[in-house]
Amino acid sequence: MYKSFVAALSAVLLLSSSATVVAQQPDTVTGDRAGDMTADLVLVRPLGIVGTVIGAAVFVVSLPFTLPTGSAGDAAHELVGKPFEYTFNRPLGDFQHCGADRHPCGSRP
């Protein structure tokens, strides 16, 4: 009796967890596009602005170390370019693709 109850409970839990995955739309984080757009507008974009400003400050501080080695361009791309692109050059609600050509965010097109 106990083993059949555990088996039935396991089957119900397994099926219920897979049902939620089937209900989600592809390429969404929250399960629907409107939720993704809202989360992007309210949370992700403001954090991206903060990240861009902090990255710019860190880049300026790193200049004495990156200029002599010739890596200032790489530092600028990583610390300022990527956060800027993710914040301002990405369709609303799309957390993976940037730009008009829809390249992966953070990569150089």
N, C-alpha and C. Protein backbone atom coordinates (compact mmCIF):
# COMPACT_ATOMS: atom_id res chain seq x y z
N MET A 1 0.82 -1.19 0.00
CA MET A 1 0.00 0.00 0.00
C MET A 1 0.88 1.27 0.00
N TYR A 2 1.87 1.29 0.87
CA TYR A 2 2.74 2.46 0.99
C TYR A 2 3.54 2.68 -0.29
N LYS A 3 4.06 1.60 -0.90
CA LYS A 3 4.86 1.73 -2.11
C LYS A 3 4.02 2.23 -3.28
N SER A 4 2.79 1.77 -3.39
CA SER A 4 1.93 2.23 -4.49
C SER A 4 1.55 3.71 -4.31
N PHE A 5 1.38 4.12 -3.05
CA PHE A 5 1.08 5.53 -2.78
C PHE A 5 2.26 6.41 -3.17
N VAL A 6 3.46 6.00 -2.81
CA VAL A 6 4.66 6.76 -3.15
C VAL A 6 4.84 6.81 -4.66
N ALA A 7 4.59 5.70 -5.35
CA ALA A 7 4.72 5.66 -6.80
C ALA A 7 3.69 6.59 -7.45
N ALA A 8 2.47 6.58 -6.97
CA ALA A 8 1.42 7.44 -7.53
C ALA A 8 1.74 8.91 -7.26
N LEU A 9 2.21 9.21 -6.07
CA LEU A 9 2.56 10.58 -5.74
C LEU A 9 3.73 11.07 -6.60
N SER A 10 4.70 10.21 -6.81
CA SER A 10 5.83 10.56 -7.67
C SER A 10 5.37 10.83 -9.10
N ALA A 11 4.46 10.01 -9.60
CA ALA A 11 3.95 10.20 -10.96
C ALA A 11 3.20 11.52 -11.08
N VAL A 12 2.39 11.85 -10.08
CA VAL A 12 1.63 13.10 -10.11
C VAL A 12 2.58 14.29 -10.07
N LEU A 13 3.60 14.26 -9.22
CA LEU A 13 4.55 15.36 -9.15
C LEU A 13 5.33 15.50 -10.45
N LEU A 14 5.70 14.39 -11.05
CA LEU A 14 6.44 14.44 -12.31
C LEU A 14 5.60 15.01 -13.42
N LEU A 15 4.36 14.59 -13.52
CA LEU A 15 3.48 15.09 -14.57
C LEU A 15 3.11 16.56 -14.36
N SER A 16 2.91 16.96 -13.12
CA SER A 16 2.54 18.35 -12.87
C SER A 16 3.69 19.30 -13.17
N SER A 17 4.91 18.87 -12.93
CA SER A 17 6.04 19.75 -13.23
C SER A 17 6.28 19.86 -14.73
N SER A 18 5.99 18.82 -15.49
CA SER A 18 6.19 18.88 -16.94
C SER A 18 5.06 19.65 -17.62
N ALA A 19 3.91 19.74 -17.02
CA ALA A 19 2.79 20.47 -17.62
C ALA A 19 3.08 21.96 -17.67
N THR A 20 3.77 22.49 -16.67
CA THR A 20 4.07 23.91 -16.68
C THR A 20 5.10 24.25 -17.75
N VAL A 21 5.99 23.35 -18.04
CA VAL A 21 6.98 23.59 -19.08
C VAL A 21 6.31 23.63 -20.45
N VAL A 22 5.35 22.78 -20.69
CA VAL A 22 4.65 22.74 -21.96
C VAL A 22 3.84 24.01 -22.17
N ALA A 23 3.32 24.60 -21.10
CA ALA A 23 2.47 25.77 -21.21
C ALA A 23 3.24 27.04 -21.53
N GLN A 24 4.54 27.08 -21.27
CA GLN A 24 5.30 28.29 -21.53
C GLN A 24 5.57 28.47 -23.01
N GLN A 25 5.57 29.73 -23.43
CA GLN A 25 5.90 30.05 -24.80
C GLN A 25 7.40 29.93 -24.99
N PRO A 26 7.85 29.55 -26.17
CA PRO A 26 9.28 29.46 -26.39
C PRO A 26 9.94 30.84 -26.33
N ASP A 27 11.18 30.86 -25.89
CA ASP A 27 11.99 32.09 -25.83
C ASP A 27 11.44 33.13 -24.87
N THR A 28 10.79 32.70 -23.78
CA THR A 28 10.34 33.64 -22.78
C THR A 28 10.93 33.26 -21.43
N VAL A 29 11.07 34.23 -20.56
CA VAL A 29 11.61 33.99 -19.23
C VAL A 29 10.48 33.77 -18.24
N THR A 30 9.46 34.61 -18.30
CA THR A 30 8.36 34.53 -17.33
C THR A 30 7.22 33.64 -17.80
N GLY A 31 7.21 33.24 -19.05
CA GLY A 31 6.14 32.41 -19.57
C GLY A 31 5.28 33.10 -20.60
N ASP A 32 5.29 34.41 -20.62
CA ASP A 32 4.56 35.14 -21.66
C ASP A 32 5.33 36.40 -22.04
N ARG A 33 5.12 36.88 -23.23
CA ARG A 33 5.86 38.04 -23.74
C ARG A 33 5.56 39.31 -22.95
N ALA A 34 4.31 39.50 -22.55
CA ALA A 34 3.96 40.71 -21.80
C ALA A 34 4.68 40.73 -20.46
N GLY A 35 4.79 39.61 -19.80
CA GLY A 35 5.53 39.54 -18.54
C GLY A 35 7.00 39.83 -18.74
N ASP A 36 7.58 39.30 -19.83
CA ASP A 36 8.98 39.58 -20.13
C ASP A 36 9.20 41.06 -20.39
N MET A 37 8.30 41.68 -21.14
CA MET A 37 8.44 43.09 -21.46
C MET A 37 8.31 43.95 -20.20
N THR A 38 7.39 43.58 -19.33
CA THR A 38 7.21 44.34 -18.08
C THR A 38 8.43 44.21 -17.19
N ALA A 39 8.93 42.99 -17.02
CA ALA A 39 10.12 42.78 -16.19
C ALA A 39 11.32 43.51 -16.78
N ASP A 40 11.42 43.50 -18.09
CA ASP A 40 12.53 44.19 -18.75
C ASP A 40 12.45 45.69 -18.51
N LEU A 41 11.28 46.27 -18.68
CA LEU A 41 11.11 47.71 -18.52
C LEU A 41 11.27 48.17 -17.08
N VAL A 42 10.74 47.41 -16.14
CA VAL A 42 10.72 47.84 -14.74
C VAL A 42 12.00 47.48 -14.00
N LEU A 43 12.58 46.33 -14.29
CA LEU A 43 13.74 45.86 -13.53
C LEU A 43 15.05 45.88 -14.31
N VAL A 44 15.07 45.26 -15.47
CA VAL A 44 16.33 45.01 -16.17
C VAL A 44 16.91 46.28 -16.77
N ARG A 45 16.11 47.11 -17.40
CA ARG A 45 16.63 48.33 -18.02
C ARG A 45 17.22 49.30 -16.97
N PRO A 46 16.52 49.57 -15.86
CA PRO A 46 17.15 50.44 -14.85
C PRO A 46 18.46 49.85 -14.30
N LEU A 47 18.50 48.54 -14.09
CA LEU A 47 19.75 47.92 -13.63
C LEU A 47 20.84 48.03 -14.69
N GLY A 48 20.45 47.97 -15.96
CA GLY A 48 21.41 48.13 -17.04
C GLY A 48 22.00 49.53 -17.08
N ILE A 49 21.18 50.53 -16.80
CA ILE A 49 21.69 51.90 -16.74
C ILE A 49 22.70 52.04 -15.61
N VAL A 50 22.37 51.49 -14.46
CA VAL A 50 23.29 51.53 -13.32
C VAL A 50 24.59 50.78 -13.67
N GLY A 51 24.46 49.63 -14.31
CA GLY A 51 25.64 48.87 -14.70
C GLY A 51 26.52 49.61 -15.70
N THR A 52 25.90 50.33 -16.61
CA THR A 52 26.65 51.11 -17.59
C THR A 52 27.42 52.24 -16.91
N VAL A 53 26.78 52.93 -15.98
CA VAL A 53 27.44 54.02 -15.27
C VAL A 53 28.59 53.49 -14.41
N ILE A 54 28.37 52.40 -13.69
CA ILE A 54 29.43 51.81 -12.87
C ILE A 54 30.56 51.30 -13.75
N GLY A 55 30.22 50.68 -14.87
CA GLY A 55 31.24 50.20 -15.79
C GLY A 55 32.08 51.33 -16.35
N ALA A 56 31.46 52.46 -16.65
CA ALA A 56 32.20 53.62 -17.15
C ALA A 56 33.16 54.15 -16.09
N ALA A 57 32.71 54.19 -14.84
CA ALA A 57 33.58 54.65 -13.76
C ALA A 57 34.76 53.70 -13.56
N VAL A 58 34.50 52.41 -13.59
CA VAL A 58 35.58 51.43 -13.44
C VAL A 58 36.54 51.51 -14.63
N PHE A 59 36.00 51.75 -15.82
CA PHE A 59 36.86 51.90 -17.00
C PHE A 59 37.81 53.08 -16.85
N VAL A 60 37.31 54.21 -16.38
CA VAL A 60 38.15 55.39 -16.21
C VAL A 60 39.25 55.09 -15.18
N VAL A 61 38.89 54.41 -14.09
CA VAL A 61 39.88 54.06 -13.08
C VAL A 61 40.92 53.08 -13.64
N SER A 62 40.51 52.22 -14.56
CA SER A 62 41.44 51.22 -15.10
C SER A 62 42.35 51.76 -16.20
N LEU A 63 42.11 52.95 -16.69
CA LEU A 63 42.90 53.49 -17.80
C LEU A 63 44.42 53.52 -17.55
N PRO A 64 44.89 53.89 -16.35
CA PRO A 64 46.34 53.87 -16.16
C PRO A 64 46.96 52.47 -16.32
N PHE A 65 46.16 51.45 -16.18
CA PHE A 65 46.67 50.09 -16.30
C PHE A 65 46.44 49.49 -17.68
N THR A 66 45.39 49.94 -18.35
CA THR A 66 45.07 49.35 -19.66
C THR A 66 45.73 50.09 -20.82
N LEU A 67 45.99 51.38 -20.68
CA LEU A 67 46.63 52.12 -21.77
C LEU A 67 48.04 51.62 -22.08
N PRO A 68 48.90 51.40 -21.08
CA PRO A 68 50.24 50.92 -21.40
C PRO A 68 50.27 49.52 -22.02
N THR A 69 49.28 48.71 -21.71
CA THR A 69 49.26 47.34 -22.25
C THR A 69 48.50 47.24 -23.56
N GLY A 70 47.85 48.31 -23.97
CA GLY A 70 47.08 48.29 -25.21
C GLY A 70 45.75 47.57 -25.11
N SER A 71 45.25 47.39 -23.91
CA SER A 71 43.99 46.67 -23.74
C SER A 71 42.83 47.59 -23.36
N ALA A 72 42.99 48.90 -23.59
CA ALA A 72 41.92 49.84 -23.25
C ALA A 72 40.66 49.58 -24.08
N GLY A 73 40.82 49.20 -25.34
CA GLY A 73 39.65 48.91 -26.18
C GLY A 73 38.87 47.71 -25.67
N ASP A 74 39.58 46.67 -25.26
CA ASP A 74 38.90 45.50 -24.70
C ASP A 74 38.20 45.84 -23.39
N ALA A 75 38.87 46.63 -22.55
CA ALA A 75 38.26 47.04 -21.28
C ALA A 75 37.02 47.89 -21.54
N ALA A 76 37.09 48.78 -22.52
CA ALA A 76 35.93 49.62 -22.85
C ALA A 76 34.76 48.77 -23.32
N HIS A 77 35.05 47.77 -24.15
CA HIS A 77 33.99 46.90 -24.65
C HIS A 77 33.33 46.12 -23.52
N GLU A 78 34.14 45.56 -22.64
CA GLU A 78 33.61 44.73 -21.57
C GLU A 78 32.89 45.55 -20.50
N LEU A 79 33.47 46.68 -20.10
CA LEU A 79 32.94 47.45 -18.98
C LEU A 79 31.86 48.45 -19.36
N VAL A 80 31.90 48.96 -20.58
CA VAL A 80 30.94 49.98 -20.99
C VAL A 80 30.09 49.51 -22.16
N GLY A 81 30.73 48.94 -23.18
CA GLY A 81 30.02 48.57 -24.40
C GLY A 81 28.95 47.51 -24.20
N LYS A 82 29.29 46.43 -23.51
CA LYS A 82 28.31 45.36 -23.30
C LYS A 82 27.10 45.82 -22.48
N PRO A 83 27.31 46.48 -21.32
CA PRO A 83 26.13 46.95 -20.58
C PRO A 83 25.31 47.98 -21.35
N PHE A 84 25.99 48.86 -22.11
CA PHE A 84 25.28 49.86 -22.90
C PHE A 84 24.42 49.18 -23.97
N GLU A 85 25.01 48.24 -24.69
CA GLU A 85 24.27 47.54 -25.74
C GLU A 85 23.09 46.77 -25.15
N TYR A 86 23.31 46.09 -24.05
CA TYR A 86 22.25 45.30 -23.43
C TYR A 86 21.10 46.19 -22.95
N THR A 87 21.43 47.41 -22.54
CA THR A 87 20.40 48.31 -22.03
C THR A 87 19.68 49.06 -23.13
N PHE A 88 20.40 49.55 -24.12
CA PHE A 88 19.81 50.47 -25.08
C PHE A 88 19.65 49.93 -26.50
N ASN A 89 20.22 48.78 -26.81
CA ASN A 89 20.18 48.29 -28.18
C ASN A 89 19.61 46.87 -28.24
N ARG A 90 18.53 46.66 -27.49
CA ARG A 90 17.92 45.33 -27.40
C ARG A 90 16.41 45.50 -27.46
N PRO A 91 15.71 44.65 -28.22
CA PRO A 91 14.25 44.74 -28.24
C PRO A 91 13.67 44.50 -26.85
N LEU A 92 12.62 45.22 -26.51
CA LEU A 92 11.99 45.10 -25.20
C LEU A 92 11.48 43.67 -25.00
N GLY A 93 11.89 43.03 -23.93
CA GLY A 93 11.45 41.69 -23.60
C GLY A 93 12.32 40.58 -24.16
N ASP A 94 13.29 40.91 -24.99
CA ASP A 94 14.21 39.92 -25.55
C ASP A 94 15.53 40.03 -24.79
N PHE A 95 15.84 39.01 -23.99
CA PHE A 95 17.00 39.07 -23.12
C PHE A 95 18.26 38.46 -23.73
N GLN A 96 18.20 38.03 -24.99
CA GLN A 96 19.32 37.33 -25.58
C GLN A 96 19.87 37.97 -26.84
N HIS A 97 19.07 38.74 -27.57
CA HIS A 97 19.49 39.27 -28.86
C HIS A 97 19.53 40.78 -28.84
N CYS A 98 20.56 41.35 -29.47
CA CYS A 98 20.74 42.80 -29.53
C CYS A 98 20.85 43.25 -30.97
N GLY A 99 20.56 44.52 -31.19
CA GLY A 99 20.75 45.14 -32.49
C GLY A 99 19.73 44.75 -33.53
N ALA A 100 19.79 45.45 -34.66
CA ALA A 100 18.87 45.20 -35.76
C ALA A 100 19.12 43.84 -36.40
N ASP A 101 20.37 43.37 -36.35
CA ASP A 101 20.68 42.07 -36.95
C ASP A 101 20.45 40.91 -35.98
N ARG A 102 19.99 41.22 -34.76
CA ARG A 102 19.63 40.22 -33.74
C ARG A 102 20.80 39.30 -33.37
N HIS A 103 22.01 39.88 -33.24
CA HIS A 103 23.18 39.11 -32.82
C HIS A 103 23.09 38.85 -31.31
N PRO A 104 23.78 37.85 -30.81
CA PRO A 104 23.78 37.60 -29.37
C PRO A 104 24.36 38.81 -28.61
N CYS A 105 23.70 39.20 -27.55
CA CYS A 105 24.15 40.36 -26.78
C CYS A 105 25.55 40.12 -26.24
N GLY A 106 26.38 41.14 -26.33
CA GLY A 106 27.74 41.06 -25.81
C GLY A 106 28.77 40.67 -26.84
N SER A 107 28.35 40.09 -27.95
CA SER A 107 29.30 39.73 -28.98
C SER A 107 29.50 40.92 -29.92
N ARG A 108 30.61 40.95 -30.55
CA ARG A 108 30.86 42.04 -31.50
C ARG A 108 30.32 41.61 -32.86
N PRO A 109 29.36 42.39 -33.41
CA PRO A 109 28.74 41.98 -34.68
C PRO A 109 29.69 42.03 -35.86
